[in-house]
Amino acid sequence: MEDVLAAAPERALLEGLYAALAAGDRPTIHACMSEDFVGRVTAGLPFGIGGEHAGPDAMIDEVWFAIGARWRVRAVPERWTSLGEGRVLVEGTYEGKGRRSGQPLSAAFTHVWEVRDGLVCGIVQTTDSASFLAALDRSETPLQTMSLSVVNGLATLRLSRPDRRNAIDQRVADELLEAALRVAGDPSVRALLVVGDGPDLTVGGDIGYFTANAGEDMGALLRRMTTPFHLAFQVLANLDAPIITVAQGSVAGGGIGLVYAADVVIASDDARFVTAFGAIGLSGDGGGTWHLPRRIGPARASWAYLANEPIRADEALELGLVTEVVPVLEARQRGVAIADRLVAGPTRAYGQMRALLRDSWSRSLSDQLHAETAALVATGRTADARGAVQAFLDKQRPTFEGA
């Protein structure tokens, strides 16, 4: 690879495009793009921004202008490299802040552009989605349907609607996102414990709320609810801190997402996991159609959805859906014990482990090996790694500070 010369036509075209993007100049942006343009964007970006977008208008409206609507941000190119055959690698940083929150945003990016016949025909756009999520609007309003506390590095999120068996309505969906953003924005958090008040983790969607508020368009209500609900899971997926969920009693519907989000799941022996959607004529949310086939296999996942049969705690353990099964009276205590253990661990390394395991599903072995190397380089530069290696040489137990 060699650096692109300042006078290269591809660079001049792309510099003009970056300037037009910063100015929000739609006609100029569109004029730089071919009609068969295809953009591929970091999957972790919310609001439909991540993923593949075909055509100039889709890329402009669904990605670049969608970013501009929520973050006041500018792409700052720092390094230009020719990859040959009209492909240009641009590395740099997004600099700015959340448009409503004012939270600062600084996220490294790589753009691999494809240029053909003087027009941009494609981009693979990769960036740190966690930084974008952390800069979203956060409220200081006290949570009403759940509580969140942080003590000595352990964040505890407790669903608190025991009278409704922690059922999920619009406020729960909104506040789950708010809680996730608060955890993501708190650098002191080194582990997250998720529990429920009462005998159940959650029975899933609040049917009474649906019938009272849906009117003639149940779909519109569900869209309003799942938008923040799903965004919360995206935020949780990108945490550096490991997540421990205590699953007891009923764990149903989209609420099973709190199990999928966790790295460690402690199930009480009375836990029952049921998709529940088929019973009310719905298709599913909470990420279950993505996670469950990967956790328990496609055949069992299909049966869980189509037959709507509960999975008992012992079956969940055998299938790999949960980590441990303990007596109901010991479940929360066991969850706290594991959370306390992980709080004392190498937080930055845990974050890299979470990302590697999560992203492995969409990578080739070769790409995963490269990602492992990059993660090792990052963790090898942490104070925790340096201290642990020295402790090993000194035949002492390492103490991790999470840095």
Protein backbone atom coordinates (compact mmCIF):
# COMPACT_ATOMS: atom_id res chain seq x y z
CA MET A 1 0.00 0.00 0.00
CA GLU A 2 1.17 3.56 -0.59
CA ASP A 3 -0.06 6.98 0.48
CA VAL A 4 -2.41 8.72 -1.90
CA LEU A 5 -0.86 11.81 -3.50
CA ALA A 6 -2.54 15.11 -2.64
CA ALA A 7 -3.37 15.65 -6.33
CA ALA A 8 -4.87 12.21 -6.92
CA PRO A 9 -8.37 12.52 -8.44
CA GLU A 10 -9.88 10.06 -5.97
CA ARG A 11 -8.64 12.12 -3.05
CA ALA A 12 -9.93 15.36 -4.52
CA LEU A 13 -13.35 13.77 -5.04
CA LEU A 14 -13.47 12.38 -1.51
CA GLU A 15 -12.25 15.60 0.10
CA GLY A 16 -15.10 17.38 -1.68
CA LEU A 17 -17.52 14.77 -0.40
CA TYR A 18 -16.30 15.12 3.20
CA ALA A 19 -16.70 18.90 2.95
CA ALA A 20 -20.23 18.53 1.56
CA LEU A 21 -21.14 16.10 4.34
CA ALA A 22 -19.89 18.56 6.96
CA ALA A 23 -22.01 21.30 5.39
CA GLY A 24 -25.09 19.12 4.88
CA ASP A 25 -24.97 19.99 1.18
CA ARG A 26 -27.25 17.29 -0.26
CA PRO A 27 -26.97 18.24 -3.97
CA THR A 28 -23.17 18.11 -3.86
CA ILE A 29 -23.17 14.86 -1.89
CA HIS A 30 -25.54 13.28 -4.40
CA ALA A 31 -23.49 14.54 -7.34
CA CYS A 32 -20.42 12.69 -5.98
CA MET A 33 -22.21 9.32 -5.91
CA SER A 34 -23.06 6.76 -8.57
CA GLU A 35 -26.63 5.50 -8.89
CA ASP A 36 -25.53 1.96 -7.96
CA PHE A 37 -23.83 3.14 -4.75
CA VAL A 38 -23.80 0.61 -1.87
CA GLY A 39 -22.85 1.55 1.68
CA ARG A 40 -22.02 -0.94 4.44
CA VAL A 41 -21.99 0.59 7.91
CA THR A 42 -21.00 -0.65 11.39
CA ALA A 43 -23.83 -2.91 12.52
CA GLY A 44 -23.86 -1.56 16.08
CA LEU A 45 -25.04 1.92 15.12
CA PRO A 46 -28.70 2.44 16.16
CA PHE A 47 -31.84 3.83 14.47
CA GLY A 48 -31.33 1.66 11.38
CA ILE A 49 -28.04 3.42 10.59
CA GLY A 50 -25.98 0.23 10.76
CA GLY A 51 -26.10 -2.35 7.99
CA GLU A 52 -26.28 -2.19 4.20
CA HIS A 53 -27.83 0.73 2.29
CA ALA A 54 -28.34 0.62 -1.49
CA GLY A 55 -28.50 3.81 -3.54
CA PRO A 56 -27.41 7.41 -2.91
CA ASP A 57 -30.69 8.49 -1.31
CA ALA A 58 -30.70 5.58 1.13
CA MET A 59 -27.12 6.32 2.21
CA ILE A 60 -27.78 10.04 2.55
CA ASP A 61 -31.10 9.78 4.41
CA GLU A 62 -30.63 6.60 6.41
CA VAL A 63 -26.97 7.05 7.38
CA TRP A 64 -25.33 10.42 6.94
CA PHE A 65 -28.33 12.68 7.59
CA ALA A 66 -29.64 10.29 10.27
CA ILE A 67 -26.31 10.71 12.06
CA GLY A 68 -26.56 14.48 11.66
CA ALA A 69 -30.06 14.49 13.16
CA ARG A 70 -28.81 12.99 16.43
CA TRP A 71 -25.16 13.97 16.71
CA ARG A 72 -23.44 17.21 15.77
CA VAL A 73 -20.37 15.51 14.37
CA ARG A 74 -17.72 15.97 11.69
CA ALA A 75 -15.49 13.35 10.08
CA VAL A 76 -11.85 14.42 10.32
CA PRO A 77 -9.67 12.41 7.87
CA GLU A 78 -6.15 11.87 9.16
CA ARG A 79 -4.56 9.25 6.90
CA TRP A 80 -5.15 8.42 3.25
CA THR A 81 -3.96 5.15 1.69
CA SER A 82 -4.42 3.79 -1.81
CA LEU A 83 -5.60 0.19 -1.97
CA GLY A 84 -5.49 0.11 -5.77
CA GLU A 85 -8.21 -0.27 -8.41
CA GLY A 86 -10.04 2.85 -7.26
CA ARG A 87 -10.21 1.83 -3.60
CA VAL A 88 -9.07 4.33 -0.97
CA LEU A 89 -8.69 3.75 2.76
CA VAL A 90 -9.33 6.84 4.88
CA GLU A 91 -8.65 6.68 8.62
CA GLY A 92 -9.65 9.42 10.99
CA THR A 93 -11.88 10.48 13.85
CA TYR A 94 -15.47 11.60 14.21
CA GLU A 95 -15.43 14.65 16.47
CA GLY A 96 -18.47 16.33 17.95
CA LYS A 97 -21.21 15.81 20.53
CA GLY A 98 -24.73 14.53 21.02
CA ARG A 99 -27.13 17.02 19.49
CA ARG A 100 -29.48 17.01 22.49
CA SER A 101 -27.30 15.66 25.26
CA GLY A 102 -24.21 17.75 24.58
CA GLN A 103 -22.17 14.68 25.52
CA PRO A 104 -18.78 14.78 23.77
CA LEU A 105 -18.11 12.32 21.00
CA SER A 106 -14.75 11.20 19.66
CA ALA A 107 -14.75 7.96 17.67
CA ALA A 108 -12.08 6.54 15.39
CA PHE A 109 -13.27 5.47 11.95
CA THR A 110 -12.06 3.66 8.86
CA HIS A 111 -13.69 4.31 5.49
CA VAL A 112 -12.88 2.09 2.54
CA TRP A 113 -14.19 3.98 -0.50
CA GLU A 114 -14.69 2.63 -3.99
CA VAL A 115 -14.38 5.11 -6.87
CA ARG A 116 -15.32 4.33 -10.47
CA ASP A 117 -15.52 6.68 -13.46
CA GLY A 118 -15.10 9.73 -11.26
CA LEU A 119 -17.93 8.85 -8.87
CA VAL A 120 -18.09 7.18 -5.46
CA CYS A 121 -19.82 3.80 -5.86
CA GLY A 122 -19.38 2.30 -2.40
CA ILE A 123 -18.09 2.55 1.14
CA VAL A 124 -17.40 0.18 4.01
CA GLN A 125 -17.77 2.51 7.00
CA THR A 126 -16.52 1.21 10.35
CA THR A 127 -16.50 3.11 13.61
CA ASP A 128 -16.77 2.77 17.38
CA SER A 129 -20.55 2.50 17.83
CA ALA A 130 -20.25 2.59 21.62
CA SER A 131 -19.01 6.18 21.48
CA PHE A 132 -22.04 7.22 19.44
CA LEU A 133 -24.40 5.48 21.84
CA ALA A 134 -22.76 7.05 24.89
CA ALA A 135 -23.32 10.53 23.42
CA LEU A 136 -27.09 10.09 23.11
CA ASP A 137 -29.43 12.13 25.27
CA ARG A 138 -29.55 11.16 28.94
CA SER A 139 -32.05 12.38 31.49
CA GLU A 140 -31.52 13.11 35.17
CA THR A 141 -35.18 12.27 35.90
CA PRO A 142 -35.48 9.50 38.54
CA LEU A 143 -36.40 6.12 37.11
CA GLN A 144 -39.89 4.93 38.03
CA THR A 145 -40.13 1.36 36.78
CA MET A 146 -36.65 0.25 37.76
CA SER A 147 -33.78 1.29 40.00
CA LEU A 148 -30.11 1.71 39.17
CA SER A 149 -27.33 1.96 41.71
CA VAL A 150 -23.55 1.86 41.40
CA VAL A 151 -21.53 0.79 44.44
CA ASN A 152 -17.80 0.00 44.31
CA GLY A 153 -17.89 -0.54 40.57
CA LEU A 154 -20.97 -2.80 40.56
CA ALA A 155 -24.04 -1.39 38.81
CA THR A 156 -27.28 -3.09 39.85
CA LEU A 157 -30.32 -2.67 37.62
CA ARG A 158 -33.51 -3.87 39.28
CA LEU A 159 -36.84 -4.07 37.43
CA SER A 160 -39.36 -2.71 39.92
CA ARG A 161 -42.95 -3.43 38.85
CA PRO A 162 -43.61 -6.45 41.05
CA ASP A 163 -47.36 -5.75 41.06
CA ARG A 164 -47.28 -6.26 37.26
CA ARG A 165 -44.67 -9.06 37.46
CA ASN A 166 -42.19 -6.60 35.92
CA ALA A 167 -44.17 -6.49 32.67
CA ILE A 168 -42.81 -4.22 29.93
CA ASP A 169 -44.77 -1.13 28.90
CA GLN A 170 -43.62 2.06 27.16
CA ARG A 171 -42.10 3.53 30.33
CA VAL A 172 -40.13 0.34 31.01
CA ALA A 173 -38.82 0.37 27.43
CA ASP A 174 -37.85 4.04 27.68
CA GLU A 175 -36.23 3.64 31.08
CA LEU A 176 -34.27 0.55 30.08
CA LEU A 177 -32.60 2.68 27.42
CA GLU A 178 -32.04 5.47 29.94
CA ALA A 179 -30.49 3.04 32.43
CA ALA A 180 -28.28 1.47 29.76
CA LEU A 181 -27.01 4.89 28.71
CA ARG A 182 -26.25 5.84 32.31
CA VAL A 183 -24.26 2.64 32.78
CA ALA A 184 -22.42 3.13 29.48
CA GLY A 185 -21.58 6.71 30.45
CA ASP A 186 -20.23 5.84 33.91
CA PRO A 187 -16.52 4.95 33.72
CA SER A 188 -16.61 3.60 37.29
CA VAL A 189 -18.85 0.66 36.29
CA ARG A 190 -16.94 -2.62 36.11
CA ALA A 191 -19.87 -5.06 36.07
CA LEU A 192 -23.66 -4.88 35.68
CA LEU A 193 -26.07 -7.09 37.64
CA VAL A 194 -29.68 -7.34 36.36
CA VAL A 195 -32.42 -8.60 38.70
CA GLY A 196 -36.17 -8.29 39.14
CA ASP A 197 -38.29 -7.35 42.14
CA GLY A 198 -40.63 -10.08 43.26
CA PRO A 199 -40.65 -13.73 42.18
CA ASP A 200 -40.23 -13.07 38.43
CA LEU A 201 -37.60 -11.45 36.30
CA THR A 202 -40.28 -10.32 33.81
CA VAL A 203 -43.37 -11.76 32.15
CA GLY A 204 -42.61 -9.81 28.98
CA GLY A 205 -44.98 -7.33 27.36
CA ASP A 206 -47.69 -5.71 29.45
CA ILE A 207 -50.83 -6.96 27.67
CA GLY A 208 -53.06 -4.65 29.66
CA TYR A 209 -51.00 -1.69 28.49
CA PHE A 210 -51.27 -2.88 24.89
CA THR A 211 -55.05 -3.17 24.94
CA ALA A 212 -55.50 0.17 26.70
CA ASN A 213 -53.19 2.16 24.43
CA ALA A 214 -52.97 0.54 20.99
CA GLY A 215 -56.19 1.94 19.54
CA GLU A 216 -56.65 0.86 15.94
CA ASP A 217 -52.93 0.41 15.24
CA MET A 218 -51.14 -2.09 17.47
CA GLY A 219 -48.16 -1.99 15.10
CA ALA A 220 -47.53 1.70 15.72
CA LEU A 221 -47.55 1.15 19.49
CA LEU A 222 -45.12 -1.75 19.19
CA ARG A 223 -42.80 0.32 17.01
CA ARG A 224 -42.74 3.09 19.64
CA MET A 225 -41.94 0.56 22.35
CA THR A 226 -39.35 -1.55 20.56
CA THR A 227 -37.31 1.41 19.28
CA PRO A 228 -35.89 2.39 22.71
CA PHE A 229 -36.10 -1.20 23.98
CA HIS A 230 -33.90 -2.54 21.21
CA LEU A 231 -31.55 0.41 21.36
CA ALA A 232 -30.99 -0.40 25.03
CA PHE A 233 -29.77 -3.86 24.06
CA GLN A 234 -27.39 -2.35 21.52
CA VAL A 235 -25.95 -0.14 24.26
CA LEU A 236 -25.60 -3.10 26.63
CA ALA A 237 -23.93 -5.21 23.93
CA ASN A 238 -21.17 -2.61 23.62
CA LEU A 239 -20.37 -2.23 27.32
CA ASP A 240 -16.84 -2.96 28.46
CA ALA A 241 -18.33 -4.29 31.68
CA PRO A 242 -19.59 -7.90 31.87
CA ILE A 243 -23.31 -8.40 32.52
CA ILE A 244 -24.81 -10.90 34.97
CA THR A 245 -28.56 -11.60 34.90
CA VAL A 246 -30.47 -13.43 37.62
CA ALA A 247 -33.39 -15.21 35.92
CA GLN A 248 -36.10 -16.48 38.21
CA GLY A 249 -39.76 -17.30 37.91
CA SER A 250 -41.25 -16.21 34.60
CA VAL A 251 -38.80 -14.96 31.97
CA ALA A 252 -40.92 -14.31 28.92
CA GLY A 253 -41.31 -12.50 25.61
CA GLY A 254 -38.96 -9.64 24.88
CA GLY A 255 -37.85 -9.79 28.51
CA ILE A 256 -35.70 -12.80 27.62
CA GLY A 257 -33.52 -10.15 25.98
CA LEU A 258 -32.13 -9.49 29.46
CA VAL A 259 -30.87 -13.08 29.39
CA TYR A 260 -29.44 -12.76 25.88
CA ALA A 261 -27.68 -9.53 26.88
CA ALA A 262 -25.86 -11.23 29.74
CA ASP A 263 -22.48 -12.92 29.75
CA VAL A 264 -23.42 -14.96 32.83
CA VAL A 265 -26.98 -16.08 33.61
CA ILE A 266 -27.88 -17.49 37.02
CA ALA A 267 -31.25 -19.24 36.86
CA SER A 268 -33.31 -20.19 39.87
CA ASP A 269 -34.67 -23.71 39.76
CA ASP A 270 -38.20 -22.33 39.29
CA ALA A 271 -37.27 -20.30 36.18
CA ARG A 272 -39.31 -20.82 33.02
CA PHE A 273 -38.30 -19.29 29.70
CA VAL A 274 -41.08 -18.87 27.14
CA THR A 275 -41.11 -16.83 23.94
CA ALA A 276 -44.87 -16.19 24.43
CA PHE A 277 -45.35 -14.31 21.16
CA GLY A 278 -47.33 -16.99 19.36
CA ALA A 279 -49.96 -16.91 22.10
CA ILE A 280 -50.83 -13.31 21.22
CA GLY A 281 -50.28 -13.42 17.46
CA LEU A 282 -46.98 -11.52 17.41
CA SER A 283 -43.61 -12.42 15.91
CA GLY A 284 -41.08 -11.48 18.60
CA ASP A 285 -38.66 -8.83 19.83
CA GLY A 286 -35.78 -8.43 22.26
CA GLY A 287 -33.31 -9.97 19.81
CA GLY A 288 -34.62 -13.49 20.37
CA THR A 289 -34.78 -14.50 16.72
CA TRP A 290 -31.05 -13.69 16.46
CA HIS A 291 -29.83 -14.98 19.82
CA LEU A 292 -31.91 -18.09 20.44
CA PRO A 293 -30.84 -20.09 17.34
CA ARG A 294 -27.23 -19.33 18.25
CA ARG A 295 -27.72 -20.31 21.89
CA ILE A 296 -29.79 -23.50 21.61
CA GLY A 297 -29.69 -24.37 17.89
CA PRO A 298 -32.08 -23.54 15.06
CA ALA A 299 -34.38 -26.54 15.51
CA ARG A 300 -34.97 -25.97 19.22
CA ALA A 301 -35.31 -22.22 18.66
CA SER A 302 -37.96 -22.79 15.99
CA TRP A 303 -39.89 -25.07 18.33
CA ALA A 304 -39.62 -22.55 21.17
CA TYR A 305 -41.19 -19.91 18.94
CA LEU A 306 -43.73 -21.95 16.98
CA ALA A 307 -44.96 -24.24 19.76
CA ASN A 308 -44.55 -21.58 22.47
CA GLU A 309 -43.45 -24.26 24.92
CA PRO A 310 -41.65 -23.14 28.09
CA ILE A 311 -38.04 -24.15 28.64
CA ARG A 312 -37.46 -25.26 32.25
CA ALA A 313 -34.35 -24.16 34.13
CA ASP A 314 -32.72 -27.59 33.93
CA GLU A 315 -33.40 -27.73 30.17
CA ALA A 316 -32.01 -24.21 29.75
CA LEU A 317 -28.80 -25.31 31.46
CA GLU A 318 -28.49 -28.38 29.25
CA LEU A 319 -29.13 -26.29 26.11
CA GLY A 320 -26.60 -23.62 27.06
CA LEU A 321 -29.11 -20.81 27.59
CA VAL A 322 -28.00 -20.26 31.21
CA THR A 323 -24.74 -20.64 33.11
CA GLU A 324 -25.91 -22.16 36.39
CA VAL A 325 -29.12 -23.31 38.09
CA VAL A 326 -29.43 -22.78 41.85
CA PRO A 327 -32.26 -22.98 44.40
CA VAL A 328 -34.61 -20.02 44.16
CA LEU A 329 -33.63 -18.63 47.57
CA GLU A 330 -29.95 -18.60 46.55
CA ALA A 331 -30.24 -17.12 43.05
CA ARG A 332 -29.76 -13.44 43.82
CA GLN A 333 -27.02 -14.14 46.34
CA ARG A 334 -25.18 -16.21 43.74
CA GLY A 335 -25.61 -13.47 41.15
CA VAL A 336 -24.11 -10.90 43.52
CA ALA A 337 -21.18 -13.21 44.31
CA ILE A 338 -20.33 -13.66 40.63
CA ALA A 339 -20.76 -9.94 39.95
CA ASP A 340 -18.40 -9.10 42.83
CA ARG A 341 -15.84 -11.49 41.36
CA LEU A 342 -16.04 -9.90 37.92
CA VAL A 343 -15.92 -6.36 39.34
CA ALA A 344 -12.45 -7.24 40.64
CA GLY A 345 -11.27 -8.44 37.20
CA PRO A 346 -9.52 -6.82 34.22
CA THR A 347 -12.39 -4.66 32.93
CA ARG A 348 -10.74 -3.55 29.68
CA ALA A 349 -9.89 -7.14 28.83
CA TYR A 350 -13.46 -8.19 29.57
CA GLY A 351 -14.67 -5.53 27.15
CA GLN A 352 -12.43 -6.88 24.39
CA MET A 353 -13.54 -10.45 25.15
CA ARG A 354 -17.20 -9.42 24.87
CA ALA A 355 -16.59 -7.72 21.53
CA LEU A 356 -14.59 -10.63 20.12
CA LEU A 357 -17.19 -13.19 21.11
CA ARG A 358 -20.08 -11.07 19.85
CA ASP A 359 -18.53 -10.20 16.50
CA SER A 360 -17.21 -13.69 15.78
CA TRP A 361 -20.60 -14.67 14.32
CA SER A 362 -20.15 -12.31 11.38
CA ARG A 363 -16.42 -12.83 10.72
CA SER A 364 -14.31 -15.33 8.87
CA LEU A 365 -11.64 -17.15 10.85
CA SER A 366 -8.98 -14.99 9.20
CA ASP A 367 -10.79 -11.78 10.18
CA GLN A 368 -11.31 -13.06 13.72
CA LEU A 369 -7.60 -13.84 14.08
CA HIS A 370 -6.77 -10.29 12.99
CA ALA A 371 -9.32 -8.95 15.49
CA GLU A 372 -7.77 -11.05 18.25
CA THR A 373 -4.37 -9.58 17.48
CA ALA A 374 -5.76 -6.03 17.59
CA ALA A 375 -7.49 -6.77 20.90
CA LEU A 376 -4.32 -8.25 22.37
CA VAL A 377 -2.39 -5.14 21.38
CA ALA A 378 -5.01 -2.95 23.06
CA THR A 379 -5.16 -5.01 26.26
CA GLY A 380 -1.40 -5.48 26.31
CA ARG A 381 -1.06 -1.73 26.71
CA THR A 382 -3.29 -1.55 29.79
CA ALA A 383 -2.02 -1.02 33.31
CA ASP A 384 -3.89 -4.16 34.39
CA ALA A 385 -1.97 -6.36 31.93
CA ARG A 386 1.39 -4.89 32.88
CA GLY A 387 0.62 -5.34 36.58
CA ALA A 388 -0.64 -8.89 36.14
CA VAL A 389 2.45 -9.98 34.21
CA GLN A 390 4.69 -8.53 36.91
CA ALA A 391 2.60 -10.21 39.62
CA PHE A 392 3.02 -13.53 37.79
CA LEU A 393 6.78 -13.07 37.71
CA ASP A 394 6.74 -12.17 41.40
CA LYS A 395 4.56 -15.22 42.19
CA GLN A 396 1.82 -12.98 43.56
CA ARG A 397 -1.90 -12.71 42.89
CA PRO A 398 -2.63 -9.79 40.54
CA THR A 399 -4.85 -6.90 41.57
CA PHE A 400 -6.85 -5.36 38.76
CA GLU A 401 -7.94 -1.72 38.73
CA GLY A 402 -9.98 -1.87 35.55
CA ALA A 403 -7.57 0.36 33.63
